Amino acid sequence: MREPTKPDRRDAEKSPGRAEISAPVKARRGRYRTRALALVFGLLVAVLMLEMGSWLLVTTGALSARVPSYSLTSSASGFWGDLRAEFGPWHPPETRYLHQKSCFSVVYESNSYGARDVERAKDHDQRRVVVLGDSFMEGYGVDVAHRLSNVLEAATLTPHLNFGSAGQAGSTHSFALYTSLAAAFRHDAVIASILPENDFDDDQPKAPRYQPYWSGRYPDYELKFTLPSVEQSTYRCDTSEAGFDFSRALREYTYTKNVTDYLYSAFKQWRQSRKLTASADVPESRFFRYSREEFDRLRYSYEQLAAAAYPRPVVLFTIPRHSDFGAVAKHGRSPLDDELRQWAAGIENVHFVALMPELRRRFGGDLGRQFLSCDAHWSAAGHAAVAEILLGRIGKLLYGE
């Protein structure tokens, strides 16, 4: 007797009942696949539109965000960082960085000890001047030939050793950098800048950054640092190509990331300005609004710097931003400039120059010409004007002219 044959699985799969069950499933899967593809396509279009919009905002100068470099070896994170245990923010030695925005394309290069300057010997027979300060003094956005220290050097044939640095470089940073690095280079005078808009804030401790700050009350301060070691800072330079940083890659290859960073920074500044203008009778400008504690830290830094430099002359000047001109025009004289002038008069080797009145006379109704068109730092015209002011005010003191 024949054994009954087993039903073939393939025949079962071809059965009408099976076909009726699988058809709706296949249809649903097709719809899901179509929706997923549409979603992916929509996201890609949105990303491209966002990138095109960001590109347009930056290239037209509507926003002063940086331009992507399209290279991971040319990153801002490789040129500025918390590097020195003695004073924090600095540049790695012998490093090159291409900095681009819509109105400039500038190459920054550091020498063997990390300064954006030509190589300088520690010992030298010629008269020399040490220059301290933040991004303005470093020459942010301009070629070195147009930078203040280089313009002064060309005009006086006196070497100006530039130790300027961007990145939370306030008065405490200038003191710490001078006593631990710059003072080792033979020099005959010091020029240092004060940027009220940033310097009061930069002298406040901000972990997880590594920075020096004064602890205590005037005049009983102690120099401390925000972290136990500079290696613990989250703002470290990375000049190696090892590893992959997704955020850094976005910054170097997309406009969108740079615009996002710019808008976030602008929002933080706006939020801070809201706090500063809580009292309607006092303008936002830091030439007007500063606390006694903030001024005490500022003056103490330069009192200690002047003592370390003595008997060399120390020239200090304040840098106004565009909004500061408007605040002074509306509310009268700057209390900060008046107080610094009075304070400096009591210290033998300190000489103070208020730039704002001189710059207003030089630029008149075209104050914006002293700044880059896509950034709030000095243009070549701004650097040249400040050099002329300093030569007129302290030229004989520094250069015997």
Protein backbone atom coordinates (compact mmCIF):
# COMPACT_ATOMS: atom_id res chain seq x y z
CA MET A 1 0.00 0.00 0.00
CA ARG A 2 1.25 3.38 -0.89
CA GLU A 3 2.05 5.80 1.91
CA PRO A 4 0.15 9.06 1.69
CA THR A 5 2.33 11.80 0.24
CA LYS A 6 3.20 14.80 2.44
CA PRO A 7 2.06 18.17 1.19
CA ASP A 8 4.82 20.18 -0.42
CA ARG A 9 5.62 23.46 1.51
CA ARG A 10 6.04 25.29 -1.77
CA ASP A 11 2.54 24.21 -2.78
CA ALA A 12 1.24 25.54 0.53
CA GLU A 13 2.95 28.86 -0.01
CA LYS A 14 1.29 29.07 -3.39
CA SER A 15 -2.14 28.35 -1.94
CA PRO A 16 -4.85 31.00 -2.39
CA GLY A 17 -5.26 31.41 1.37
CA ARG A 18 -1.59 32.21 1.83
CA ALA A 19 -1.66 34.69 -1.02
CA GLU A 20 -4.65 36.45 0.50
CA ILE A 21 -2.73 36.89 3.83
CA SER A 22 0.62 38.06 2.38
CA ALA A 23 -0.75 40.65 -0.05
CA PRO A 24 -1.88 43.15 2.62
CA VAL A 25 1.39 42.64 4.50
CA LYS A 26 3.39 43.36 1.39
CA ALA A 27 1.27 46.43 0.72
CA ARG A 28 1.83 47.75 4.25
CA ARG A 29 5.56 47.12 3.95
CA GLY A 30 5.60 48.98 0.68
CA ARG A 31 3.82 51.94 2.24
CA TYR A 32 6.26 51.98 5.19
CA ARG A 33 9.19 51.86 2.79
CA THR A 34 7.78 54.71 0.73
CA ARG A 35 7.17 56.82 3.82
CA ALA A 36 10.67 56.14 5.13
CA LEU A 37 12.21 57.13 1.81
CA ALA A 38 10.07 60.27 1.72
CA LEU A 39 11.16 61.13 5.27
CA VAL A 40 14.83 60.63 4.44
CA PHE A 41 14.46 62.68 1.28
CA GLY A 42 12.67 65.43 3.19
CA LEU A 43 15.39 65.52 5.85
CA LEU A 44 18.08 65.74 3.17
CA VAL A 45 16.27 68.61 1.47
CA ALA A 46 15.85 70.37 4.83
CA VAL A 47 19.55 69.96 5.64
CA LEU A 48 20.56 71.25 2.21
CA MET A 49 18.20 74.23 2.53
CA LEU A 50 19.57 74.98 6.00
CA GLU A 51 23.14 74.83 4.71
CA MET A 52 22.29 77.04 1.73
CA GLY A 53 20.59 79.55 4.00
CA SER A 54 23.56 79.56 6.38
CA TRP A 55 25.95 80.02 3.45
CA LEU A 56 23.90 82.97 2.22
CA LEU A 57 23.81 84.64 5.66
CA VAL A 58 27.59 84.33 6.07
CA THR A 59 28.74 85.20 2.55
CA THR A 60 26.52 88.29 2.37
CA GLY A 61 27.83 89.48 5.74
CA ALA A 62 24.43 89.28 7.45
CA LEU A 63 26.02 87.15 10.17
CA SER A 64 29.70 87.32 11.12
CA ALA A 65 30.10 83.58 11.59
CA ARG A 66 33.34 81.96 10.48
CA VAL A 67 33.72 80.24 7.13
CA PRO A 68 34.40 76.47 7.11
CA SER A 69 37.96 75.57 6.18
CA TYR A 70 37.11 72.19 4.61
CA SER A 71 40.13 70.74 6.37
CA LEU A 72 40.48 69.07 9.78
CA THR A 73 44.12 70.17 9.89
CA SER A 74 43.17 73.87 9.81
CA SER A 75 40.98 74.22 12.87
CA ALA A 76 40.65 76.96 15.49
CA SER A 77 40.81 74.23 18.13
CA GLY A 78 44.37 73.63 16.99
CA PHE A 79 45.51 77.25 17.39
CA TRP A 80 43.90 78.47 20.64
CA GLY A 81 43.52 76.55 23.88
CA ASP A 82 44.33 76.31 27.57
CA LEU A 83 47.95 75.25 27.24
CA ARG A 84 50.17 76.92 29.80
CA ALA A 85 50.11 76.00 33.48
CA GLU A 86 51.30 79.53 34.35
CA PHE A 87 48.53 81.48 32.57
CA GLY A 88 46.20 79.17 30.62
CA PRO A 89 45.06 80.38 27.16
CA TRP A 90 47.81 80.39 24.52
CA HIS A 91 48.88 79.02 21.13
CA PRO A 92 50.85 75.84 20.51
CA PRO A 93 54.35 76.58 19.14
CA GLU A 94 55.07 76.60 15.42
CA THR A 95 51.44 76.14 14.37
CA ARG A 96 49.63 77.46 11.32
CA TYR A 97 45.90 78.23 11.07
CA LEU A 98 43.85 79.61 8.17
CA HIS A 99 41.08 81.82 9.59
CA GLN A 100 38.29 82.76 7.20
CA LYS A 101 35.16 84.86 7.39
CA SER A 102 33.21 86.58 4.64
CA CYS A 103 35.43 89.69 4.74
CA PHE A 104 38.86 88.20 5.44
CA SER A 105 41.10 85.20 4.91
CA VAL A 106 44.14 85.34 7.17
CA VAL A 107 46.86 82.86 8.06
CA TYR A 108 47.96 82.85 11.71
CA GLU A 109 51.38 81.43 12.51
CA SER A 110 52.98 80.99 15.93
CA ASN A 111 56.70 81.02 16.70
CA SER A 112 58.72 78.60 18.84
CA TYR A 113 57.25 79.88 22.12
CA GLY A 114 53.67 80.15 20.88
CA ALA A 115 53.31 83.86 20.08
CA ARG A 116 51.81 85.10 16.82
CA ASP A 117 55.03 86.89 16.00
CA VAL A 118 58.34 86.43 14.27
CA GLU A 119 61.02 84.59 16.22
CA ARG A 120 62.56 86.80 18.92
CA ALA A 121 65.72 86.23 20.95
CA LYS A 122 65.47 86.69 24.70
CA ASP A 123 68.59 88.84 24.77
CA HIS A 124 68.88 91.81 22.46
CA ASP A 125 70.84 95.06 22.44
CA GLN A 126 68.18 97.11 20.65
CA ARG A 127 65.33 98.92 22.40
CA ARG A 128 62.22 96.70 22.44
CA VAL A 129 58.57 96.89 23.57
CA VAL A 130 56.42 94.04 24.95
CA VAL A 131 52.78 94.04 23.77
CA LEU A 132 50.04 92.35 25.84
CA GLY A 133 46.31 91.91 25.37
CA ASP A 134 43.56 89.85 23.83
CA SER A 135 42.37 89.17 20.27
CA PHE A 136 42.58 92.85 19.27
CA MET A 137 46.29 92.93 20.10
CA GLU A 138 46.86 89.52 18.55
CA GLY A 139 45.53 90.94 15.29
CA TYR A 140 42.31 88.97 14.89
CA GLY A 141 41.21 89.05 11.26
CA VAL A 142 44.11 91.08 9.83
CA ASP A 143 47.49 90.28 8.33
CA VAL A 144 50.39 90.89 10.70
CA ALA A 145 51.66 93.76 8.55
CA HIS A 146 48.46 95.70 9.39
CA ARG A 147 48.42 94.81 13.10
CA LEU A 148 48.96 97.55 15.69
CA SER A 149 52.28 96.23 17.02
CA ASN A 150 53.67 95.79 13.51
CA VAL A 151 52.52 99.26 12.43
CA LEU A 152 54.28 100.73 15.49
CA GLU A 153 57.38 98.66 14.76
CA ALA A 154 57.52 99.85 11.15
CA ALA A 155 56.99 103.48 12.17
CA THR A 156 59.61 103.52 14.96
CA LEU A 157 62.04 100.78 13.84
CA THR A 158 61.63 99.43 17.38
CA PRO A 159 60.87 95.69 17.73
CA HIS A 160 57.46 95.07 19.33
CA LEU A 161 57.20 91.60 20.86
CA ASN A 162 53.56 90.62 20.51
CA PHE A 163 52.17 88.35 23.25
CA GLY A 164 48.49 88.96 22.47
CA SER A 165 46.09 86.03 22.56
CA ALA A 166 42.38 85.44 22.05
CA GLY A 167 40.40 83.28 24.43
CA GLN A 168 39.52 84.70 27.87
CA ALA A 169 42.65 86.84 28.07
CA GLY A 170 41.73 89.50 30.61
CA SER A 171 43.89 91.57 32.96
CA THR A 172 44.79 88.61 35.22
CA HIS A 173 45.93 86.66 32.17
CA SER A 174 48.09 89.61 31.04
CA PHE A 175 49.77 89.79 34.45
CA ALA A 176 50.37 86.03 34.64
CA LEU A 177 51.66 85.85 31.05
CA TYR A 178 53.95 88.82 31.54
CA THR A 179 55.58 87.58 34.74
CA SER A 180 55.95 83.96 33.59
CA LEU A 181 56.88 84.39 29.89
CA ALA A 182 57.16 87.88 28.39
CA ALA A 183 59.34 89.33 31.17
CA ALA A 184 62.08 86.84 30.25
CA PHE A 185 62.62 88.75 26.98
CA ARG A 186 64.75 91.85 27.41
CA HIS A 187 62.57 94.91 26.82
CA ASP A 188 62.31 98.58 27.70
CA ALA A 189 58.55 99.21 27.85
CA VAL A 190 55.15 97.50 27.98
CA ILE A 191 51.95 98.26 26.05
CA ALA A 192 48.76 96.53 27.25
CA SER A 193 45.14 96.83 26.17
CA ILE A 194 41.92 96.72 28.17
CA LEU A 195 38.72 95.58 26.44
CA PRO A 196 35.97 96.45 28.94
CA GLU A 197 33.33 94.46 27.05
CA ASN A 198 35.18 91.20 27.82
CA ASP A 199 37.91 91.77 30.37
CA PHE A 200 35.74 92.11 33.46
CA ASP A 201 34.05 88.82 32.58
CA ASP A 202 37.28 87.11 31.55
CA ASP A 203 38.70 87.74 35.02
CA GLN A 204 35.89 85.70 36.58
CA PRO A 205 36.73 82.00 37.15
CA LYS A 206 34.90 79.72 34.72
CA ALA A 207 35.47 75.99 35.14
CA PRO A 208 35.92 73.75 33.19
CA ARG A 209 38.30 76.30 31.61
CA TYR A 210 41.80 76.60 33.05
CA GLN A 211 42.52 80.23 33.86
CA PRO A 212 44.16 82.38 36.53
CA TYR A 213 42.01 84.55 38.81
CA TRP A 214 42.38 86.66 41.93
CA SER A 215 40.85 85.17 45.08
CA GLY A 216 40.10 87.44 48.04
CA ARG A 217 39.42 91.14 48.37
CA TYR A 218 41.51 94.12 47.33
CA PRO A 219 44.39 94.41 48.07
CA ASP A 220 44.73 91.00 49.76
CA TYR A 221 44.49 88.78 46.72
CA GLU A 222 45.95 85.37 46.03
CA LEU A 223 46.50 84.14 42.47
CA LYS A 224 44.64 80.88 41.93
CA PHE A 225 43.57 78.71 39.00
CA THR A 226 40.16 77.32 38.19
CA LEU A 227 41.40 73.71 37.88
CA PRO A 228 44.14 71.68 39.59
CA SER A 229 45.97 71.22 36.27
CA VAL A 230 45.79 72.65 32.77
CA GLU A 231 45.31 69.15 31.34
CA GLN A 232 41.85 69.02 32.94
CA SER A 233 40.56 71.90 30.83
CA THR A 234 37.89 71.16 28.24
CA TYR A 235 39.44 73.84 26.00
CA ARG A 236 42.61 72.04 25.02
CA CYS A 237 44.34 72.40 21.67
CA ASP A 238 44.30 69.33 19.48
CA THR A 239 46.85 69.52 16.66
CA SER A 240 46.95 65.76 16.08
CA GLU A 241 44.93 63.95 13.44
CA ALA A 242 44.24 60.99 15.74
CA GLY A 243 40.61 60.25 16.56
CA PHE A 244 37.54 61.92 15.15
CA ASP A 245 35.59 64.81 16.60
CA PHE A 246 32.13 65.00 14.99
CA SER A 247 31.45 68.53 16.22
CA ARG A 248 34.79 69.74 14.90
CA ALA A 249 34.14 68.05 11.54
CA LEU A 250 30.78 69.83 11.25
CA ARG A 251 32.44 73.15 12.09
CA GLU A 252 35.15 72.72 9.46
CA TYR A 253 32.86 71.42 6.70
CA THR A 254 29.51 73.18 7.13
CA TYR A 255 28.21 76.72 7.37
CA THR A 256 25.27 75.52 9.45
CA LYS A 257 27.39 74.55 12.44
CA ASN A 258 29.25 77.87 12.39
CA VAL A 259 26.01 79.83 12.16
CA THR A 260 24.57 77.79 15.05
CA ASP A 261 27.66 78.53 17.17
CA TYR A 262 27.42 82.22 16.31
CA LEU A 263 23.73 82.44 17.19
CA TYR A 264 24.25 80.60 20.47
CA SER A 265 27.07 82.97 21.40
CA ALA A 266 24.91 85.95 20.45
CA PHE A 267 22.09 84.60 22.61
CA LYS A 268 24.41 84.29 25.62
CA GLN A 269 25.59 87.87 25.11
CA TRP A 270 22.00 89.07 24.79
CA ARG A 271 21.05 87.26 27.99
CA GLN A 272 23.99 88.83 29.77
CA SER A 273 23.08 92.28 28.43
CA ARG A 274 19.53 91.83 29.76
CA LYS A 275 21.02 91.32 33.21
CA LEU A 276 23.27 94.35 32.80
CA THR A 277 20.40 96.62 31.76
CA ALA A 278 18.09 95.70 34.61
CA SER A 279 18.42 99.34 35.69
CA ALA A 280 17.18 101.59 32.89
CA ASP A 281 19.21 104.60 33.99
CA VAL A 282 22.57 102.87 33.41
CA PRO A 283 23.67 101.97 29.85
CA GLU A 284 24.67 98.49 28.82
CA SER A 285 28.24 99.50 27.97
CA ARG A 286 30.92 98.17 30.29
CA PHE A 287 32.52 101.61 30.16
CA PHE A 288 29.65 102.52 32.50
CA ARG A 289 28.53 99.33 34.18
CA TYR A 290 31.08 97.56 36.34
CA SER A 291 31.21 96.68 40.00
CA ARG A 292 33.76 97.83 42.56
CA GLU A 293 35.00 94.24 42.84
CA GLU A 294 35.52 94.06 39.06
CA PHE A 295 37.46 97.31 38.98
CA ASP A 296 39.57 96.26 41.98
CA ARG A 297 40.65 93.05 40.22
CA LEU A 298 41.46 94.98 37.05
CA ARG A 299 43.58 97.61 38.75
CA TYR A 300 45.31 95.08 41.00
CA SER A 301 46.45 93.07 37.96
CA TYR A 302 48.05 96.14 36.42
CA GLU A 303 49.46 97.38 39.70
CA GLN A 304 51.27 94.05 40.05
CA LEU A 305 52.32 94.11 36.38
CA ALA A 306 53.66 97.66 36.75
CA ALA A 307 55.61 96.65 39.85
CA ALA A 308 57.12 93.68 37.99
CA ALA A 309 58.02 95.90 35.00
CA TYR A 310 59.38 98.83 37.05
CA PRO A 311 61.10 101.12 36.15
CA ARG A 312 59.96 100.43 32.59
CA PRO A 313 56.93 102.49 31.49
CA VAL A 314 53.63 100.61 31.16
CA VAL A 315 51.11 102.11 28.71
CA LEU A 316 47.46 101.07 29.11
CA PHE A 317 44.55 101.95 26.86
CA THR A 318 40.87 101.02 26.68
CA ILE A 319 39.33 99.60 23.50
CA PRO A 320 35.75 100.73 22.69
CA ARG A 321 33.37 98.61 20.66
CA HIS A 322 30.85 100.24 18.33
CA SER A 323 28.06 100.22 20.92
CA ASP A 324 30.33 101.92 23.48
CA PHE A 325 30.55 105.04 21.27
CA GLY A 326 26.77 105.27 21.26
CA ALA A 327 26.56 104.86 25.04
CA VAL A 328 29.05 107.69 25.66
CA ALA A 329 27.34 109.94 23.10
CA LYS A 330 24.03 109.43 24.90
CA HIS A 331 25.10 109.37 28.55
CA GLY A 332 28.23 111.53 28.62
CA ARG A 333 31.78 110.80 29.73
CA SER A 334 32.91 107.26 30.42
CA PRO A 335 33.23 106.62 34.19
CA LEU A 336 35.71 103.81 33.52
CA ASP A 337 38.09 106.00 31.52
CA ASP A 338 37.88 108.74 34.14
CA GLU A 339 38.58 106.31 36.96
CA LEU A 340 41.47 104.64 35.14
CA ARG A 341 42.99 108.03 34.34
CA GLN A 342 42.85 109.05 38.00
CA TRP A 343 44.20 105.68 39.15
CA ALA A 344 47.12 105.72 36.68
CA ALA A 345 48.14 109.20 37.79
CA GLY A 346 49.05 107.73 41.17
CA ILE A 347 51.48 105.12 39.80
CA GLU A 348 54.86 106.37 38.63
CA ASN A 349 55.40 104.13 35.62
CA VAL A 350 51.77 103.69 34.42
CA HIS A 351 50.42 105.89 31.61
CA PHE A 352 46.78 105.67 30.52
CA VAL A 353 45.32 106.57 27.11
CA ALA A 354 41.57 106.74 26.48
CA LEU A 355 41.14 105.86 22.81
CA MET A 356 37.43 106.63 22.45
CA PRO A 357 37.56 110.43 22.12
CA GLU A 358 40.51 110.25 19.72
CA LEU A 359 38.87 107.59 17.56
CA ARG A 360 35.65 109.57 17.39
CA ARG A 361 37.56 112.63 16.15
CA ARG A 362 39.37 110.58 13.51
CA PHE A 363 36.42 108.62 12.13
CA GLY A 364 33.61 111.10 12.80
CA GLY A 365 30.34 109.79 11.42
CA ASP A 366 32.01 106.74 9.90
CA LEU A 367 32.91 104.93 13.13
CA GLY A 368 32.25 101.55 11.51
CA ARG A 369 35.31 101.94 9.28
CA GLN A 370 37.61 101.13 12.18
CA PHE A 371 36.05 97.66 12.41
CA LEU A 372 35.98 94.73 10.01
CA SER A 373 32.82 94.68 7.94
CA CYS A 374 31.97 91.12 9.05
CA ASP A 375 33.40 91.23 12.57
CA ALA A 376 33.65 93.54 15.58
CA HIS A 377 37.47 93.55 15.66
CA TRP A 378 39.64 96.33 14.25
CA SER A 379 40.16 96.60 10.53
CA ALA A 380 43.51 97.68 9.09
CA ALA A 381 42.20 101.25 9.32
CA GLY A 382 41.42 100.76 13.01
CA HIS A 383 44.90 99.43 13.78
CA ALA A 384 46.51 102.30 11.86
CA ALA A 385 44.41 104.91 13.69
CA VAL A 386 45.29 103.52 17.12
CA ALA A 387 48.98 103.46 16.16
CA GLU A 388 48.78 107.15 15.24
CA ILE A 389 47.06 107.97 18.53
CA LEU A 390 49.66 106.14 20.61
CA LEU A 391 52.56 107.69 18.71
CA GLY A 392 51.08 111.13 19.33
CA ARG A 393 50.37 110.54 23.01
CA ILE A 394 53.28 108.38 24.22
CA GLY A 395 55.75 108.41 21.33
CA LYS A 396 58.39 110.42 23.23
CA LEU A 397 57.97 108.29 26.33
CA LEU A 398 58.46 104.99 24.51
CA TYR A 399 60.65 105.89 21.57
CA GLY A 400 62.20 109.26 22.42
CA GLU A 401 60.31 110.94 19.55
